[in-house]
Protein backbone atom coordinates (compact mmCIF):
# COMPACT_ATOMS: atom_id res chain seq x y z
CA MET A 1 -7.24 38.73 5.67
CA PRO A 2 -3.54 38.02 5.15
CA ALA A 3 -2.07 35.70 2.56
CA GLN A 4 -2.10 31.94 3.14
CA MET A 5 1.46 31.17 4.21
CA PHE A 6 3.26 27.81 4.21
CA PRO A 7 4.55 27.36 6.83
CA SER A 8 1.89 29.34 8.67
CA LYS A 9 4.54 30.76 11.01
CA LEU A 10 8.20 31.45 10.51
CA ASN A 11 10.79 32.35 13.11
CA ARG A 12 14.52 32.84 12.96
CA ASN A 13 15.16 29.28 14.13
CA HIS A 14 13.61 28.00 10.89
CA ILE A 15 16.12 30.09 8.97
CA ARG A 16 19.06 28.75 10.99
CA PHE A 17 17.83 25.15 10.75
CA ARG A 18 17.89 25.31 6.97
CA GLY A 19 21.44 26.66 7.05
CA LYS A 20 20.49 30.12 5.84
CA ARG A 21 22.28 33.27 6.88
CA GLY A 22 20.83 36.66 7.61
CA SER A 23 17.33 37.95 8.15
CA ALA A 24 16.24 39.03 4.66
CA GLU A 25 13.99 36.02 4.06
CA TYR A 26 12.54 36.25 7.56
CA GLU A 27 11.68 39.91 7.02
CA PHE A 28 10.30 39.33 3.53
CA TYR A 29 8.12 36.44 4.74
CA HIS A 30 6.35 38.80 7.13
CA LEU A 31 6.08 41.53 4.51
CA LEU A 32 4.29 39.11 2.20
CA LYS A 33 2.08 37.83 5.00
CA ASP A 34 1.04 41.34 5.99
CA GLN A 35 0.57 42.84 2.52
CA LEU A 36 -0.76 40.14 0.20
CA SER A 37 -4.50 39.44 0.18
CA ASP A 38 -5.96 36.07 1.17
CA GLU A 39 -6.19 35.06 -2.50
CA TRP A 40 -2.45 34.45 -2.45
CA LYS A 41 -0.81 31.20 -1.36
CA VAL A 42 2.86 31.64 -0.49
CA MET A 43 5.38 28.85 0.12
CA TRP A 44 8.78 29.52 1.67
CA GLY A 45 11.98 27.51 1.29
CA ARG A 46 10.75 24.87 -1.16
CA ASP A 47 13.30 22.22 -2.07
CA LEU A 48 13.12 21.33 -5.76
CA GLU A 49 14.33 18.10 -7.30
CA ALA A 50 13.95 17.37 -11.00
CA PRO A 51 16.16 16.94 -14.07
CA CYS A 52 16.70 20.35 -15.63
CA PRO A 53 16.78 20.11 -19.46
CA VAL A 54 19.10 23.12 -19.84
CA ASP A 55 22.05 22.63 -17.50
CA GLY A 56 21.45 19.06 -16.27
CA SER A 57 21.10 20.09 -12.62
CA THR A 58 18.68 18.14 -10.48
CA GLU A 59 18.35 20.05 -7.21
CA GLY A 60 17.56 23.58 -6.16
CA GLU A 61 15.55 25.71 -3.83
CA ALA A 62 12.94 28.40 -4.25
CA ASP A 63 13.08 31.11 -1.61
CA PHE A 64 9.39 31.94 -2.16
CA VAL A 65 6.74 30.63 -4.55
CA ALA A 66 3.56 32.73 -4.59
CA ILE A 67 0.40 31.60 -6.40
CA HIS A 68 -2.67 33.67 -7.27
CA PRO A 69 -5.82 32.42 -9.10
CA TYR A 70 -5.63 35.25 -11.64
CA PHE A 71 -2.05 36.56 -11.66
CA GLY A 72 -0.48 33.10 -11.71
CA MET A 73 2.76 31.79 -10.23
CA PHE A 74 5.70 33.88 -9.02
CA VAL A 75 9.18 32.77 -7.96
CA LEU A 76 10.85 35.33 -5.70
CA GLU A 77 14.61 35.14 -5.10
CA VAL A 78 15.68 37.06 -1.98
CA LYS A 79 19.13 38.59 -1.58
CA GLY A 80 20.02 40.02 1.81
CA GLY A 81 22.50 42.64 2.90
CA GLY A 82 23.99 45.20 0.56
CA LEU A 83 24.54 44.30 -3.08
CA GLU A 84 25.69 46.16 -6.14
CA TYR A 85 26.34 45.34 -9.77
CA HIS A 86 29.75 46.17 -11.23
CA GLU A 87 29.03 46.92 -14.86
CA ASP A 88 32.66 46.97 -16.02
CA GLU A 89 33.36 43.48 -14.68
CA HIS A 90 29.83 42.09 -15.14
CA VAL A 91 29.73 40.76 -11.58
CA TRP A 92 27.55 41.14 -8.49
CA VAL A 93 29.24 42.02 -5.21
CA SER A 94 27.72 41.45 -1.77
CA TRP A 95 28.70 43.49 1.28
CA GLY A 96 28.71 41.92 4.73
CA ARG A 97 27.92 43.64 7.99
CA GLY A 98 31.60 44.12 8.70
CA GLY A 99 32.16 45.82 5.37
CA GLU A 100 33.78 42.81 3.71
CA ALA A 101 32.92 42.26 0.04
CA HIS A 102 32.65 39.06 -1.94
CA GLU A 103 31.68 38.28 -5.49
CA LEU A 104 28.57 36.20 -6.08
CA SER A 105 29.28 32.93 -7.84
CA SER A 106 26.28 33.40 -10.12
CA SER A 107 24.01 36.31 -10.90
CA PRO A 108 20.66 36.59 -9.08
CA SER A 109 18.78 36.42 -12.39
CA ALA A 110 20.64 33.23 -13.41
CA GLN A 111 19.70 31.69 -10.07
CA VAL A 112 16.01 32.48 -10.29
CA LYS A 113 15.78 31.37 -13.94
CA ARG A 114 17.32 28.04 -12.97
CA THR A 115 14.77 27.73 -10.17
CA CYS A 116 11.95 28.39 -12.65
CA ARG A 117 13.29 25.68 -14.98
CA LEU A 118 13.38 23.16 -12.14
CA LEU A 119 9.88 24.12 -11.09
CA ARG A 120 8.61 23.78 -14.67
CA ALA A 121 10.23 20.32 -14.92
CA ILE A 122 8.43 19.27 -11.72
CA LEU A 123 5.09 20.49 -13.08
CA LYS A 124 5.57 18.63 -16.36
CA ALA A 125 6.45 15.39 -14.56
CA ASP A 126 3.39 15.50 -12.28
CA PRO A 127 0.55 13.43 -13.81
CA ASP A 128 -2.01 15.25 -11.66
CA CYS A 129 -0.87 18.71 -12.75
CA PRO A 130 -3.43 20.63 -14.88
CA ASP A 131 -2.57 20.77 -18.58
CA TYR A 132 -2.28 24.56 -18.67
CA LEU A 133 0.49 24.48 -16.05
CA GLN A 134 2.41 21.98 -18.17
CA SER A 135 2.09 24.02 -21.34
CA SER A 136 5.22 25.66 -22.72
CA ASN A 137 3.11 28.82 -23.06
CA PHE A 138 2.57 29.02 -19.30
CA GLU A 139 4.74 31.80 -17.91
CA ILE A 140 6.25 31.54 -14.43
CA CYS A 141 6.79 35.11 -13.30
CA TRP A 142 9.89 35.91 -11.30
CA ALA A 143 11.55 38.78 -9.50
CA ILE A 144 14.68 39.47 -7.45
CA VAL A 145 14.15 40.88 -3.96
CA PHE A 146 16.72 43.19 -2.36
CA ASN A 147 14.63 44.19 0.63
CA GLN A 148 17.60 45.32 2.72
CA CYS A 149 19.16 47.77 0.28
CA ARG A 150 18.39 50.27 -2.46
CA LEU A 151 19.73 49.49 -5.89
CA SER A 152 21.10 52.31 -7.98
CA GLY A 153 23.06 52.59 -11.17
CA VAL A 154 23.05 50.29 -14.17
CA LEU A 155 21.62 46.77 -13.93
CA PRO A 156 22.64 43.88 -16.18
CA ALA A 157 20.73 43.38 -19.43
CA ASP A 158 19.07 40.20 -18.16
CA LEU A 159 17.52 41.98 -15.14
CA PRO A 160 15.00 44.67 -16.13
CA ARG A 161 14.27 47.18 -13.37
CA GLU A 162 10.59 46.16 -13.27
CA LEU A 163 11.68 42.69 -12.07
CA VAL A 164 13.46 44.11 -9.01
CA LEU A 165 11.94 44.73 -5.58
CA ASP A 166 14.26 46.69 -3.34
CA GLU A 167 13.96 48.59 -0.07
CA LEU A 168 11.84 51.28 -1.72
CA ASP A 169 9.22 48.71 -2.73
CA THR A 170 8.66 47.05 0.64
CA ASP A 171 5.38 48.91 1.26
CA ARG A 172 3.85 48.12 -2.16
CA ILE A 173 4.78 44.51 -2.87
CA GLU A 174 1.36 43.31 -4.04
CA PHE A 175 0.93 46.32 -6.31
CA ARG A 176 4.31 45.68 -7.95
CA MET A 177 3.62 41.98 -8.39
CA GLN A 178 0.20 42.53 -9.94
CA THR A 179 1.25 45.35 -12.26
CA GLN A 180 4.81 45.76 -13.50
CA ILE A 181 6.07 42.23 -12.84
CA HIS A 182 2.96 40.47 -14.13
CA GLN A 183 2.69 42.76 -17.15
CA HIS A 184 6.34 42.09 -18.08
CA PHE A 185 5.59 38.39 -18.47
CA LEU A 186 2.27 39.04 -20.20
CA ARG A 187 4.17 40.99 -22.86
CA LYS A 188 6.70 38.20 -23.12
CA ALA A 189 3.96 35.58 -23.64
CA TYR A 190 2.19 37.81 -26.16
CA LEU A 191 5.34 38.32 -28.23
CA ARG A 192 6.08 34.59 -28.15
CA ALA A 193 2.55 33.82 -29.35
CA MET A 194 2.97 36.32 -32.20
CA ASP A 195 6.27 34.70 -33.17
CA GLN A 196 4.77 31.20 -33.12
CA ASP A 197 1.86 32.36 -35.26
CA ASN A 198 4.19 33.97 -37.79
CA ARG A 199 6.30 30.80 -37.98
CA ARG A 200 3.16 28.82 -38.78
CA GLY A 201 2.22 31.35 -41.45
CA GLY A 202 -0.87 32.23 -39.49
CA SER A 203 -3.46 34.72 -40.53
CA ARG A 204 -3.36 36.93 -37.45
CA ARG A 205 -1.56 39.75 -39.20
CA TYR A 206 -3.22 42.58 -37.29
CA TYR A 207 -3.29 42.98 -33.55
CA GLY A 208 -5.68 45.90 -33.36
CA LYS A 209 -7.71 47.74 -35.95
CA PRO A 210 -6.30 47.39 -39.49
CA ARG A 211 -5.48 50.56 -41.34
CA ASP A 212 -7.89 51.68 -44.04
């Protein structure tokens, strides 16, 4: 059975109604619906409103939020058309259908991280939210989706390749989410836990079998 999608159907009129351009989100919606198992719940175009403790912003939008009972919560930021990263200038450039280029006002990774902060603020403010979702140790996984192009060359330091889904990944989305993307954030949580334990002067000095 396919993933549980919210809304249950999506057509191009929904995209236009929300003031969105292009077809990348429409195409990715149907890729998720067709490929993810029925254990997944996927929400498209979620408006977020909460005070963000980092930059003071209060509003944002998540292109897709996907939730799995074991693999957790994923925020997926979709970028349509052709994009490339200019390493020398540290900017992202988007190419339109007519060949015109324009610089993105903020990097895709900065956008999705801001979305995750807003989402975390909403979870913390909800009195009915389970404690584990409000914990600072709870990791919200994220990835950038370039489903209409193939990325090549160097990526910025804040965007590891395992957190990118491009045109080459469109037939193995669930596999990528459950392996490389999820494992990236597992490692991040593990390293943070080690750091917190060391700061407390904890006794967990060995993570594995101690040497003789």
